[in-house]
C-alpha atoms as a PDB file:
ATOM      1  CA  MET A   1      52.347 -56.823 -19.345  1.00  0.00           C
ATOM      2  CA  VAL A   2      53.142 -57.649 -15.767  1.00  0.00           C
ATOM      3  CA  LEU A   3      52.150 -56.502 -12.352  1.00  0.00           C
ATOM      4  CA  LEU A   4      53.362 -54.839  -9.221  1.00  0.00           C
ATOM      5  CA  ALA A   5      53.238 -58.080  -7.227  1.00  0.00           C
ATOM      6  CA  GLY A   6      54.597 -60.285 -10.000  1.00  0.00           C
ATOM      7  CA  CYS A   7      52.893 -61.230 -13.230  1.00  0.00           C
ATOM      8  CA  GLU A   8      49.285 -60.734 -12.207  1.00  0.00           C
ATOM      9  CA  PRO A   9      46.628 -58.185 -13.090  1.00  0.00           C
ATOM     10  CA  VAL A  10      47.005 -55.237 -10.756  1.00  0.00           C
ATOM     11  CA  ASP A  11      43.466 -53.963 -10.726  1.00  0.00           C
ATOM     12  CA  SER A  12      39.998 -54.844 -11.882  1.00  0.00           C
ATOM     13  CA  GLU A  13      39.286 -51.327 -13.087  1.00  0.00           C
ATOM     14  CA  LYS A  14      39.266 -51.149 -16.849  1.00  0.00           C
ATOM     15  CA  ALA A  15      41.175 -48.637 -18.949  1.00  0.00           C
ATOM     16  CA  GLU A  16      38.786 -46.153 -20.523  1.00  0.00           C
ATOM     17  CA  GLY A  17      37.273 -47.499 -23.713  1.00  0.00           C
ATOM     18  CA  THR A  18      39.648 -50.447 -23.972  1.00  0.00           C
ATOM     19  CA  GLY A  19      38.353 -53.125 -21.625  1.00  0.00           C
ATOM     20  CA  VAL A  20      41.932 -53.718 -20.497  1.00  0.00           C
ATOM     21  CA  SER A  21      42.985 -53.716 -16.857  1.00  0.00           C
ATOM     22  CA  GLY A  22      44.858 -50.677 -15.636  1.00  0.00           C
ATOM     23  CA  LEU A  23      48.410 -51.820 -15.009  1.00  0.00           C
ATOM     24  CA  ALA A  24      51.264 -50.637 -12.851  1.00  0.00           C
ATOM     25  CA  SER A  25      54.803 -50.245 -14.092  1.00  0.00           C
ATOM     26  CA  PRO A  26      56.097 -53.659 -15.169  1.00  0.00           C
ATOM     27  CA  THR A  27      58.517 -55.582 -12.998  1.00  0.00           C
ATOM     28  CA  ARG A  28      60.770 -58.477 -13.895  1.00  0.00           C
ATOM     29  CA  ALA A  29      58.763 -61.640 -14.468  1.00  0.00           C
ATOM     30  CA  VAL A  30      60.030 -64.673 -12.602  1.00  0.00           C
ATOM     31  CA  PRO A  31      59.997 -67.784 -14.810  1.00  0.00           C
ATOM     32  CA  GLU A  32      57.010 -69.923 -13.980  1.00  0.00           C
ATOM     33  CA  ALA A  33      59.032 -73.104 -13.620  1.00  0.00           C
ATOM     34  CA  ALA A  34      61.368 -71.442 -11.156  1.00  0.00           C
ATOM     35  CA  GLU A  35      58.426 -70.281  -9.112  1.00  0.00           C
ATOM     36  CA  GLN A  36      57.026 -73.763  -8.930  1.00  0.00           C
ATOM     37  CA  ASP A  37      60.389 -75.225  -7.881  1.00  0.00           C
ATOM     38  CA  SER A  38      60.768 -72.686  -5.075  1.00  0.00           C
ATOM     39  CA  SER A  39      57.213 -72.900  -3.777  1.00  0.00           C
ATOM     40  CA  ALA A  40      56.110 -74.750  -0.701  1.00  0.00           C
ATOM     41  CA  ALA A  41      52.839 -76.607  -0.430  1.00  0.00           C
ATOM     42  CA  ARG A  42      50.405 -75.007   1.955  1.00  0.00           C
ATOM     43  CA  PRO A  43      47.136 -76.446   3.270  1.00  0.00           C
ATOM     44  CA  SER A  44      43.909 -74.684   2.415  1.00  0.00           C
ATOM     45  CA  GLN A  45      43.234 -71.624   4.492  1.00  0.00           C
ATOM     46  CA  ALA A  46      39.871 -70.982   6.058  1.00  0.00           C
ATOM     47  CA  PRO A  47      37.444 -69.418   3.589  1.00  0.00           C
ATOM     48  CA  PRO A  48      36.552 -65.745   3.994  1.00  0.00           C
ATOM     49  CA  SER A  49      34.183 -65.024   6.839  1.00  0.00           C
ATOM     50  CA  THR A  50      30.554 -65.257   5.777  1.00  0.00           C
ATOM     51  CA  ASP A  51      27.244 -64.300   7.293  1.00  0.00           C
ATOM     52  CA  ARG A  52      25.669 -67.529   8.543  1.00  0.00           C
ATOM     53  CA  ARG A  53      22.171 -66.100   8.903  1.00  0.00           C
ATOM     54  CA  PRO A  54      19.432 -67.428   6.603  1.00  0.00           C
ATOM     55  CA  LEU A  55      19.251 -65.718   3.230  1.00  0.00           C
ATOM     56  CA  ASP A  56      15.988 -63.927   4.005  1.00  0.00           C
ATOM     57  CA  GLU A  57      17.459 -62.433   7.198  1.00  0.00           C
ATOM     58  CA  ARG A  58      20.611 -61.305   5.393  1.00  0.00           C
ATOM     59  CA  SER A  59      18.506 -59.801   2.598  1.00  0.00           C
ATOM     60  CA  SER A  60      16.310 -57.954   5.095  1.00  0.00           C
ATOM     61  CA  ALA A  61      19.387 -56.586   6.870  1.00  0.00           C
ATOM     62  CA  ALA A  62      20.790 -55.409   3.528  1.00  0.00           C
ATOM     63  CA  LEU A  63      17.491 -53.728   2.651  1.00  0.00           C
ATOM     64  CA  ALA A  64      17.493 -51.950   6.018  1.00  0.00           C
ATOM     65  CA  SER A  65      21.003 -50.658   5.323  1.00  0.00           C
ATOM     66  CA  LEU A  66      20.050 -49.688   1.769  1.00  0.00           C
ATOM     67  CA  ALA A  67      17.196 -47.580   3.153  1.00  0.00           C
ATOM     68  CA  GLU A  68      19.777 -45.392   4.906  1.00  0.00           C
ATOM     69  CA  ILE A  69      21.934 -44.825   1.817  1.00  0.00           C
ATOM     70  CA  PRO A  70      21.216 -41.552  -0.036  1.00  0.00           C
ATOM     71  CA  VAL A  71      19.755 -41.710  -3.543  1.00  0.00           C
ATOM     72  CA  LYS A  72      21.295 -39.258  -5.990  1.00  0.00           C
ATOM     73  CA  GLY A  73      22.183 -38.975  -9.643  1.00  0.00           C
ATOM     74  CA  ARG A  74      25.506 -40.186 -10.974  1.00  0.00           C
ATOM     75  CA  ALA A  75      28.131 -37.436 -10.831  1.00  0.00           C
ATOM     76  CA  PRO A  76      30.402 -36.795 -13.833  1.00  0.00           C
ATOM     77  CA  LYS A  77      33.444 -39.023 -14.165  1.00  0.00           C
ATOM     78  CA  THR A  78      35.544 -35.931 -14.805  1.00  0.00           C
ATOM     79  CA  GLY A  79      38.914 -36.094 -13.084  1.00  0.00           C
ATOM     80  CA  TYR A  80      38.781 -39.821 -12.299  1.00  0.00           C
ATOM     81  CA  SER A  81      42.116 -41.617 -12.116  1.00  0.00           C
ATOM     82  CA  ARG A  82      43.063 -44.927 -10.562  1.00  0.00           C
ATOM     83  CA  ASP A  83      45.963 -43.147  -8.876  1.00  0.00           C
ATOM     84  CA  LEU A  84      43.486 -41.134  -6.783  1.00  0.00           C
ATOM     85  CA  PHE A  85      42.807 -44.352  -4.849  1.00  0.00           C
ATOM     86  CA  GLY A  86      46.388 -44.688  -3.659  1.00  0.00           C
ATOM     87  CA  GLN A  87      49.059 -47.303  -4.123  1.00  0.00           C
ATOM     88  CA  ARG A  88      47.843 -50.476  -5.762  1.00  0.00           C
ATOM     89  CA  TRP A  89      47.474 -53.351  -3.301  1.00  0.00           C
ATOM     90  CA  SER A  90      48.925 -51.425  -0.396  1.00  0.00           C
ATOM     91  CA  ASP A  91      49.878 -53.277   2.797  1.00  0.00           C
ATOM     92  CA  ASP A  92      49.106 -50.196   4.882  1.00  0.00           C
ATOM     93  CA  VAL A  93      45.387 -50.855   5.314  1.00  0.00           C
ATOM     94  CA  ASP A  94      44.794 -52.492   8.682  1.00  0.00           C
ATOM     95  CA  VAL A  95      41.294 -53.844   8.053  1.00  0.00           C
ATOM     96  CA  GLU A  96      41.543 -57.625   8.029  1.00  0.00           C
ATOM     97  CA  PHE A  97      45.117 -58.693   7.443  1.00  0.00           C
ATOM     98  CA  GLY A  98      46.995 -55.886   9.177  1.00  0.00           C
ATOM     99  CA  HIS A  99      50.557 -54.940   8.303  1.00  0.00           C
ATOM    100  CA  ASN A 100      51.717 -58.466   7.538  1.00  0.00           C
ATOM    101  CA  GLY A 101      54.303 -57.530   4.917  1.00  0.00           C
ATOM    102  CA  CYS A 102      52.170 -58.930   2.079  1.00  0.00           C
ATOM    103  CA  ASP A 103      50.423 -56.872  -0.568  1.00  0.00           C
ATOM    104  CA  THR A 104      46.636 -56.918  -0.574  1.00  0.00           C
ATOM    105  CA  ARG A 105      46.355 -58.872  -3.830  1.00  0.00           C
ATOM    106  CA  ASN A 106      48.211 -61.865  -2.439  1.00  0.00           C
ATOM    107  CA  ASP A 107      46.310 -61.542   0.833  1.00  0.00           C
ATOM    108  CA  ILE A 108      43.047 -61.937  -1.109  1.00  0.00           C
ATOM    109  CA  LEU A 109      44.401 -64.840  -3.160  1.00  0.00           C
ATOM    110  CA  ARG A 110      45.414 -66.650   0.037  1.00  0.00           C
ATOM    111  CA  ARG A 111      42.001 -65.912   1.535  1.00  0.00           C
ATOM    112  CA  ASP A 112      39.829 -66.953  -1.413  1.00  0.00           C
ATOM    113  CA  LEU A 113      41.835 -69.819  -2.962  1.00  0.00           C
ATOM    114  CA  THR A 114      42.222 -73.313  -1.559  1.00  0.00           C
ATOM    115  CA  GLN A 115      45.141 -75.745  -1.864  1.00  0.00           C
ATOM    116  CA  THR A 116      47.507 -72.812  -2.280  1.00  0.00           C
ATOM    117  CA  ALA A 117      51.228 -73.139  -2.898  1.00  0.00           C
ATOM    118  CA  LEU A 118      53.403 -70.206  -1.843  1.00  0.00           C
ATOM    119  CA  LYS A 119      56.678 -69.010  -3.244  1.00  0.00           C
ATOM    120  CA  ALA A 120      59.635 -69.744  -0.980  1.00  0.00           C
ATOM    121  CA  GLY A 121      61.505 -66.744   0.381  1.00  0.00           C
ATOM    122  CA  THR A 122      58.458 -64.451   0.332  1.00  0.00           C
ATOM    123  CA  ARG A 123      57.447 -64.905   3.988  1.00  0.00           C
ATOM    124  CA  ASP A 124      54.503 -67.041   2.830  1.00  0.00           C
ATOM    125  CA  CYS A 125      53.094 -64.131   0.820  1.00  0.00           C
ATOM    126  CA  VAL A 126      53.228 -64.798  -2.918  1.00  0.00           C
ATOM    127  CA  VAL A 127      50.694 -67.342  -4.190  1.00  0.00           C
ATOM    128  CA  VAL A 128      52.019 -69.379  -7.111  1.00  0.00           C
ATOM    129  CA  SER A 129      49.091 -71.758  -7.487  1.00  0.00           C
ATOM    130  CA  GLY A 130      45.738 -72.665  -5.989  1.00  0.00           C
ATOM    131  CA  THR A 131      42.119 -73.489  -6.720  1.00  0.00           C
ATOM    132  CA  LEU A 132      39.308 -70.943  -6.903  1.00  0.00           C
ATOM    133  CA  THR A 133      35.610 -71.702  -6.673  1.00  0.00           C
ATOM    134  CA  ASP A 134      34.541 -68.612  -8.565  1.00  0.00           C
ATOM    135  CA  PRO A 135      31.557 -66.857  -6.937  1.00  0.00           C
ATOM    136  CA  TYR A 136      30.634 -65.021 -10.150  1.00  0.00           C
ATOM    137  CA  THR A 137      30.284 -68.095 -12.384  1.00  0.00           C
ATOM    138  CA  GLY A 138      30.241 -71.033  -9.974  1.00  0.00           C
ATOM    139  CA  LYS A 139      33.003 -72.812 -11.869  1.00  0.00           C
ATOM    140  CA  THR A 140      36.294 -74.131 -10.482  1.00  0.00           C
ATOM    141  CA  ILE A 141      39.463 -72.458 -11.753  1.00  0.00           C
ATOM    142  CA  ASP A 142      43.016 -73.737 -11.354  1.00  0.00           C
ATOM    143  CA  PHE A 143      45.218 -70.710 -10.758  1.00  0.00           C
ATOM    144  CA  VAL A 144      48.888 -70.789 -11.769  1.00  0.00           C
ATOM    145  CA  ARG A 145      50.964 -67.639 -11.445  1.00  0.00           C
ATOM    146  CA  GLY A 146      52.695 -66.654 -14.660  1.00  0.00           C
ATOM    147  CA  SER A 147      52.811 -64.050 -17.406  1.00  0.00           C
ATOM    148  CA  SER A 148      50.259 -65.898 -19.522  1.00  0.00           C
ATOM    149  CA  SER A 149      48.131 -67.517 -16.809  1.00  0.00           C
ATOM    150  CA  SER A 150      47.690 -65.092 -13.908  1.00  0.00           C
ATOM    151  CA  SER A 151      44.865 -63.239 -15.647  1.00  0.00           C
ATOM    152  CA  ALA A 152      42.632 -66.298 -15.286  1.00  0.00           C
ATOM    153  CA  VAL A 153      41.989 -65.096 -11.729  1.00  0.00           C
ATOM    154  CA  GLN A 154      41.633 -61.373 -11.035  1.00  0.00           C
ATOM    155  CA  ILE A 155      40.847 -59.381  -7.915  1.00  0.00           C
ATOM    156  CA  ASP A 156      37.594 -57.518  -8.414  1.00  0.00           C
ATOM    157  CA  HIS A 157      36.483 -54.389  -6.612  1.00  0.00           C
ATOM    158  CA  VAL A 158      32.891 -55.347  -5.763  1.00  0.00           C
ATOM    159  CA  VAL A 159      32.053 -51.647  -5.893  1.00  0.00           C
ATOM    160  CA  ALA A 160      34.165 -50.473  -8.814  1.00  0.00           C
ATOM    161  CA  LEU A 161      36.493 -47.554  -8.170  1.00  0.00           C
ATOM    162  CA  SER A 162      35.134 -45.388 -10.976  1.00  0.00           C
ATOM    163  CA  ASP A 163      31.564 -46.131  -9.864  1.00  0.00           C
ATOM    164  CA  ALA A 164      32.537 -45.029  -6.346  1.00  0.00           C
ATOM    165  CA  TRP A 165      34.159 -41.884  -7.768  1.00  0.00           C
ATOM    166  CA  GLN A 166      30.854 -40.918  -9.391  1.00  0.00           C
ATOM    167  CA  LYS A 167      28.864 -41.632  -6.222  1.00  0.00           C
ATOM    168  CA  GLY A 168      30.635 -39.824  -3.451  1.00  0.00           C
ATOM    169  CA  ALA A 169      34.285 -40.900  -3.393  1.00  0.00           C
ATOM    170  CA  GLN A 170      35.319 -37.511  -4.774  1.00  0.00           C
ATOM    171  CA  GLN A 171      34.503 -36.123  -1.328  1.00  0.00           C
ATOM    172  CA  LEU A 172      36.569 -38.736   0.539  1.00  0.00           C
ATOM    173  CA  SER A 173      40.079 -38.017   1.753  1.00  0.00           C
ATOM    174  CA  SER A 174      43.022 -39.617  -0.035  1.00  0.00           C
ATOM    175  CA  ASP A 175      43.491 -42.024   2.890  1.00  0.00           C
ATOM    176  CA  GLU A 176      39.827 -43.039   2.772  1.00  0.00           C
ATOM    177  CA  ARG A 177      40.032 -43.709  -0.965  1.00  0.00           C
ATOM    178  CA  ARG A 178      43.178 -45.795  -0.441  1.00  0.00           C
ATOM    179  CA  ASN A 179      41.414 -47.764   2.287  1.00  0.00           C
ATOM    180  CA  PHE A 180      38.405 -48.254   0.013  1.00  0.00           C
ATOM    181  CA  ALA A 181      40.570 -49.656  -2.793  1.00  0.00           C
ATOM    182  CA  ASN A 182      42.271 -52.128  -0.430  1.00  0.00           C
ATOM    183  CA  ASP A 183      39.381 -53.008   1.880  1.00  0.00           C
ATOM    184  CA  PRO A 184      38.941 -56.834   1.892  1.00  0.00           C
ATOM    185  CA  ARG A 185      35.166 -56.336   2.130  1.00  0.00           C
ATOM    186  CA  ASN A 186      35.335 -54.798  -1.335  1.00  0.00           C
ATOM    187  CA  LEU A 187      37.694 -57.362  -2.874  1.00  0.00           C
ATOM    188  CA  LEU A 188      37.029 -60.809  -4.350  1.00  0.00           C
ATOM    189  CA  ALA A 189      39.147 -63.246  -6.335  1.00  0.00           C
ATOM    190  CA  VAL A 190      37.035 -64.025  -9.402  1.00  0.00           C
ATOM    191  CA  ASP A 191      37.108 -65.341 -12.951  1.00  0.00           C
ATOM    192  CA  GLY A 192      39.197 -62.911 -15.009  1.00  0.00           C
ATOM    193  CA  PRO A 193      37.125 -62.754 -18.232  1.00  0.00           C
ATOM    194  CA  THR A 194      33.904 -62.292 -16.244  1.00  0.00           C
ATOM    195  CA  ASN A 195      35.515 -59.469 -14.285  1.00  0.00           C
ATOM    196  CA  GLN A 196      36.500 -57.772 -17.534  1.00  0.00           C
ATOM    197  CA  ARG A 197      32.906 -57.948 -18.767  1.00  0.00           C
ATOM    198  CA  LYS A 198      31.657 -56.370 -15.542  1.00  0.00           C
ATOM    199  CA  GLY A 199      33.757 -53.250 -16.096  1.00  0.00           C
ATOM    200  CA  ASP A 200      32.632 -50.526 -13.709  1.00  0.00           C
ATOM    201  CA  GLY A 201      28.963 -51.513 -13.771  1.00  0.00           C
ATOM    202  CA  ASP A 202      26.681 -51.162 -10.764  1.00  0.00           C
ATOM    203  CA  ALA A 203      23.780 -53.426  -9.757  1.00  0.00           C
ATOM    204  CA  ALA A 204      21.486 -51.754 -12.305  1.00  0.00           C
ATOM    205  CA  THR A 205      23.763 -52.680 -15.218  1.00  0.00           C
ATOM    206  CA  TRP A 206      25.608 -55.868 -14.196  1.00  0.00           C
ATOM    207  CA  LEU A 207      25.041 -58.859 -11.925  1.00  0.00           C
ATOM    208  CA  PRO A 208      27.067 -62.083 -11.617  1.00  0.00           C
ATOM    209  CA  PRO A 209      25.998 -64.825 -14.047  1.00  0.00           C
ATOM    210  CA  ASN A 210      25.803 -67.157 -11.034  1.00  0.00           C
ATOM    211  CA  ARG A 211      22.277 -66.363  -9.823  1.00  0.00           C
ATOM    212  CA  ALA A 212      22.875 -68.128  -6.511  1.00  0.00           C
ATOM    213  CA  TYR A 213      25.468 -65.482  -5.585  1.00  0.00           C
ATOM    214  CA  ARG A 214      23.578 -62.361  -6.644  1.00  0.00           C
ATOM    215  CA  CYS A 215      21.941 -61.590  -3.299  1.00  0.00           C
ATOM    216  CA  THR A 216      25.259 -61.977  -1.462  1.00  0.00           C
ATOM    217  CA  TYR A 217      26.956 -59.803  -4.092  1.00  0.00           C
ATOM    218  CA  VAL A 218      24.413 -56.981  -3.801  1.00  0.00           C
ATOM    219  CA  ALA A 219      24.409 -57.167   0.009  1.00  0.00           C
ATOM    220  CA  ARG A 220      28.196 -56.797  -0.102  1.00  0.00           C
ATOM    221  CA  GLN A 221      27.928 -53.736  -2.335  1.00  0.00           C
ATOM    222  CA  ILE A 222      25.482 -52.181   0.109  1.00  0.00           C
ATOM    223  CA  GLU A 223      27.798 -52.897   3.054  1.00  0.00           C
ATOM    224  CA  VAL A 224      30.726 -51.218   1.291  1.00  0.00           C
ATOM    225  CA  LYS A 225      28.738 -48.190   0.112  1.00  0.00           C
ATOM    226  CA  ALA A 226      27.322 -47.648   3.584  1.00  0.00           C
ATOM    227  CA  ALA A 227      30.774 -47.938   5.189  1.00  0.00           C
ATOM    228  CA  TYR A 228      32.265 -45.264   2.907  1.00  0.00           C
ATOM    229  CA  ARG A 229      29.246 -42.919   2.793  1.00  0.00           C
ATOM    230  CA  LEU A 230      28.635 -43.432  -0.925  1.00  0.00           C
ATOM    231  CA  TRP A 231      25.265 -43.092  -2.568  1.00  0.00           C
ATOM    232  CA  VAL A 232      23.215 -45.098  -5.079  1.00  0.00           C
ATOM    233  CA  THR A 233      21.202 -44.018  -8.104  1.00  0.00           C
ATOM    234  CA  GLN A 234      17.465 -44.629  -8.184  1.00  0.00           C
ATOM    235  CA  ALA A 235      17.852 -47.308 -10.875  1.00  0.00           C
ATOM    236  CA  GLU A 236      20.533 -48.984  -8.770  1.00  0.00           C
ATOM    237  CA  LYS A 237      18.378 -48.941  -5.645  1.00  0.00           C
ATOM    238  CA  ASN A 238      15.400 -50.313  -7.552  1.00  0.00           C
ATOM    239  CA  ALA A 239      17.487 -53.193  -8.907  1.00  0.00           C
ATOM    240  CA  MET A 240      18.914 -53.962  -5.454  1.00  0.00           C
ATOM    241  CA  THR A 241      15.489 -53.820  -3.821  1.00  0.00           C
ATOM    242  CA  ARG A 242      13.891 -56.149  -6.373  1.00  0.00           C
ATOM    243  CA  LEU A 243      16.693 -58.679  -6.074  1.00  0.00           C
ATOM    244  CA  LEU A 244      16.845 -58.728  -2.274  1.00  0.00           C
ATOM    245  CA  THR A 245      13.051 -58.924  -2.066  1.00  0.00           C
ATOM    246  CA  ASP A 246      13.098 -61.927  -4.382  1.00  0.00           C
ATOM    247  CA  CYS A 247      15.605 -63.474  -1.972  1.00  0.00           C
ATOM    248  CA  GLY A 248      13.058 -63.222   0.846  1.00  0.00           C
ATOM    249  CA  GLY A 249      14.103 -59.861   2.262  1.00  0.00           C
ATOM    250  CA  THR A 250      11.638 -57.357   3.663  1.00  0.00           C
ATOM    251  CA  ALA A 251      12.276 -53.641   3.293  1.00  0.00           C
ATOM    252  CA  PRO A 252      11.647 -51.353   6.289  1.00  0.00           C
ATOM    253  CA  ALA A 253       8.136 -49.907   6.348  1.00  0.00           C
ATOM    254  CA  SER A 254       9.490 -46.368   6.043  1.00  0.00           C
ATOM    255  CA  ASP A 255      11.367 -47.265   2.862  1.00  0.00           C
ATOM    256  CA  ARG A 256       8.393 -49.113   1.390  1.00  0.00           C
ATOM    257  CA  SER A 257       6.151 -46.123   1.927  1.00  0.00           C
ATOM    258  CA  SER A 258       8.626 -43.799   0.245  1.00  0.00           C
ATOM    259  CA  THR A 259       8.269 -45.726  -3.009  1.00  0.00           C
ATOM    260  CA  THR A 260       4.507 -46.163  -2.825  1.00  0.00           C
ATOM    261  CA  GLU A 261       2.048 -43.502  -3.908  1.00  0.00           C
ATOM    262  CA  SER A 262      -0.150 -42.338  -1.065  1.00  0.00           C
ATOM    263  CA  ALA A 263      -3.700 -41.086  -1.299  1.00  0.00           C
ATOM    264  CA  GLU A 264      -2.380 -37.561  -0.855  1.00  0.00           C
ATOM    265  CA  ASP A 265      -0.476 -37.918  -4.118  1.00  0.00           C
ATOM    266  CA  GLU A 266      -3.661 -38.578  -6.089  1.00  0.00           C
ATOM    267  CA  PRO A 267      -4.855 -35.672  -8.240  1.00  0.00           C
ATOM    268  CA  THR A 268      -7.817 -33.848  -6.773  1.00  0.00           C
ATOM    269  CA  ALA A 269     -10.835 -32.523  -8.671  1.00  0.00           C
ATOM    270  CA  PRO A 270     -10.534 -28.877  -9.742  1.00  0.00           C
ATOM    271  CA  THR A 271     -12.349 -26.341  -7.560  1.00  0.00           C
ATOM    272  CA  ARG A 272     -14.839 -24.190  -9.444  1.00  0.00           C
ATOM    273  CA  THR A 273     -15.958 -20.716  -8.512  1.00  0.00           C
ATOM    274  CA  PRO A 274     -19.731 -20.100  -8.211  1.00  0.00           C
ATOM    275  CA  THR A 275     -19.757 -18.404 -11.596  1.00  0.00           C
ATOM    276  CA  GLU A 276     -18.235 -21.340 -13.406  1.00  0.00           C
ATOM    277  CA  ALA A 277     -20.715 -23.619 -15.084  1.00  0.00           C
ATOM    278  CA  ALA A 278     -20.369 -27.315 -14.577  1.00  0.00           C
ATOM    279  CA  PRO A 279     -19.859 -29.288 -17.769  1.00  0.00           C
ATOM    280  CA  PRO A 280     -23.091 -30.702 -19.198  1.00  0.00           C
ATOM    281  CA  ARG A 281     -23.895 -34.244 -18.260  1.00  0.00           C
ATOM    282  CA  THR A 282     -23.763 -36.826 -20.952  1.00  0.00           C
ATOM    283  CA  THR A 283     -25.793 -39.947 -21.317  1.00  0.00           C
ATOM    284  CA  GLU A 284     -22.953 -41.741 -23.096  1.00  0.00           C
ATOM    285  CA  ARG A 285     -21.848 -44.732 -21.096  1.00  0.00           C
ATOM    286  CA  PRO A 286     -18.182 -44.561 -20.064  1.00  0.00           C
ATOM    287  CA  ARG A 287     -15.832 -46.877 -21.842  1.00  0.00           C
ATOM    288  CA  PRO A 288     -14.418 -49.667 -19.703  1.00  0.00           C
ATOM    289  CA  LEU A 289     -10.839 -49.250 -18.652  1.00  0.00           C
ATOM    290  CA  VAL A 290      -8.377 -51.380 -20.573  1.00  0.00           C
ATOM    291  CA  GLN A 291      -6.350 -53.463 -18.185  1.00  0.00           C
ATOM    292  CA  THR A 292      -2.745 -53.807 -19.319  1.00  0.00           C
ATOM    293  CA  PRO A 293      -1.570 -57.370 -18.724  1.00  0.00           C
ATOM    294  CA  THR A 294       1.423 -57.809 -16.465  1.00  0.00           C
ATOM    295  CA  PRO A 295       4.401 -59.084 -18.505  1.00  0.00           C
ATOM    296  CA  GLY A 296       5.129 -62.729 -17.801  1.00  0.00           C
ATOM    297  CA  PRO A 297       8.590 -64.054 -16.961  1.00  0.00           C
ATOM    298  CA  ASN A 298       9.152 -64.938 -20.632  1.00  0.00           C
ATOM    299  CA  ALA A 299       7.983 -61.620 -22.060  1.00  0.00           C
ATOM    300  CA  TYR A 300       9.627 -60.534 -25.302  1.00  0.00           C
ATOM    301  CA  TYR A 301       9.406 -57.192 -27.056  1.00  0.00           C
ATOM    302  CA  PRO A 302      10.870 -56.793 -30.563  1.00  0.00           C
ATOM    303  CA  ASN A 303      11.193 -53.032 -30.020  1.00  0.00           C
ATOM    304  CA  CYS A 304      10.426 -50.263 -27.548  1.00  0.00           C
ATOM    305  CA  SER A 305       7.132 -49.433 -29.277  1.00  0.00           C
ATOM    306  CA  ALA A 306       5.901 -52.918 -28.433  1.00  0.00           C
ATOM    307  CA  ALA A 307       7.127 -52.574 -24.844  1.00  0.00           C
ATOM    308  CA  ARG A 308       5.331 -49.243 -24.441  1.00  0.00           C
ATOM    309  CA  ALA A 309       2.158 -50.612 -26.017  1.00  0.00           C
ATOM    310  CA  ALA A 310       2.220 -53.404 -23.429  1.00  0.00           C
ATOM    311  CA  GLY A 311       2.653 -50.862 -20.636  1.00  0.00           C
ATOM    312  CA  ALA A 312       5.985 -52.393 -19.652  1.00  0.00           C
ATOM    313  CA  ALA A 313       8.334 -49.466 -20.378  1.00  0.00           C
ATOM    314  CA  PRO A 314      10.729 -48.470 -18.987  1.00  0.00           C
ATOM    315  CA  LEU A 315      12.427 -51.859 -18.597  1.00  0.00           C
ATOM    316  CA  HIS A 316      15.181 -52.344 -16.030  1.00  0.00           C
ATOM    317  CA  VAL A 317      17.863 -55.017 -15.890  1.00  0.00           C
ATOM    318  CA  GLY A 318      16.183 -58.121 -14.503  1.00  0.00           C
ATOM    319  CA  ASP A 319      12.664 -57.107 -15.615  1.00  0.00           C
ATOM    320  CA  PRO A 320      10.729 -59.526 -17.865  1.00  0.00           C
ATOM    321  CA  GLY A 321      11.352 -58.525 -21.457  1.00  0.00           C
ATOM    322  CA  TYR A 322      14.496 -56.478 -20.786  1.00  0.00           C
ATOM    323  CA  SER A 323      17.056 -56.813 -23.587  1.00  0.00           C
ATOM    324  CA  SER A 324      20.381 -55.112 -24.128  1.00  0.00           C
ATOM    325  CA  LYS A 325      19.360 -54.324 -27.713  1.00  0.00           C
ATOM    326  CA  LEU A 326      16.552 -52.147 -26.322  1.00  0.00           C
ATOM    327  CA  ASP A 327      19.007 -50.423 -23.972  1.00  0.00           C
ATOM    328  CA  ARG A 328      20.949 -48.403 -26.505  1.00  0.00           C
ATOM    329  CA  ASP A 329      22.838 -46.234 -24.025  1.00  0.00           C
ATOM    330  CA  GLY A 330      23.733 -49.229 -21.836  1.00  0.00           C
ATOM    331  CA  ASP A 331      22.585 -47.630 -18.580  1.00  0.00           C
ATOM    332  CA  GLY A 332      20.519 -50.626 -17.476  1.00  0.00           C
ATOM    333  CA  VAL A 333      17.194 -48.942 -18.326  1.00  0.00           C
ATOM    334  CA  ALA A 334      15.619 -49.732 -21.699  1.00  0.00           C
ATOM    335  CA  CYS A 335      12.899 -47.802 -23.487  1.00  0.00           C
ATOM    336  CA  GLU A 336      13.059 -44.901 -21.023  1.00  0.00           C
END
């Protein structure tokens, strides 16, 4: 199958239950050899703008923004359709590239790839080859446009469209949803197979295999969700907070206190009326409290009973001892 802009995957959103990219109506595929003959070499473009602050400062800024994002449950996916987010790879979104006559997919390829070659006669729009340093895996991918090779590099929505739909995008206008789907802040050229495995997962259920990119990835999700007034689930916020804290970030004091039990939350002793007799005293010495050991980084639990016995349940993605086999419903929380 081929794409709106040529022979490339149109969207990173997966068809329901199939793991296959949602595709636009096919267009005529241009033979790969002809594309290469008509392309013109182009020097590497500047990489996408990045935050040059130290990682701990960026993580702290992301945590501060996360503290302002509402926490709610995931809404039903009922009514979701890719078409509700407007034309695929529209050139109408004036966020970074403006109305340059190129579709958003090729804009992102030109932004994220180096040593790009462009197809002649396309006003320097259509990328026929280039090199990607994939942020999700850390590996280098040689991209060549063609019916059997374009899928090696796909454009991922950092915050997946269906995830956004279940966390506030239903309340956005059609123009806002179109802008969201084409916003360069929410788009990355990445390894195709890895993008397929991500599906529509959020930070509680999927993180890039490249650990060095995870903090940047989560900070980018937070930036996008804040910009479009979306919310996060509690499990998602917990996963984001743990990751950014491990990267040296410090959450605002107000947000830290909201997740910490205060003395006022402690149960108080029952009040007895004067007629109520106090329970008889006992001379039996109280049993010492059993201290549950904190799971180490290499913790392993053969089943949820063992995890509960160790006091580790529930287990979240990224927690010591978490395993997908313990997470039967695949929501990123095992043994809940």
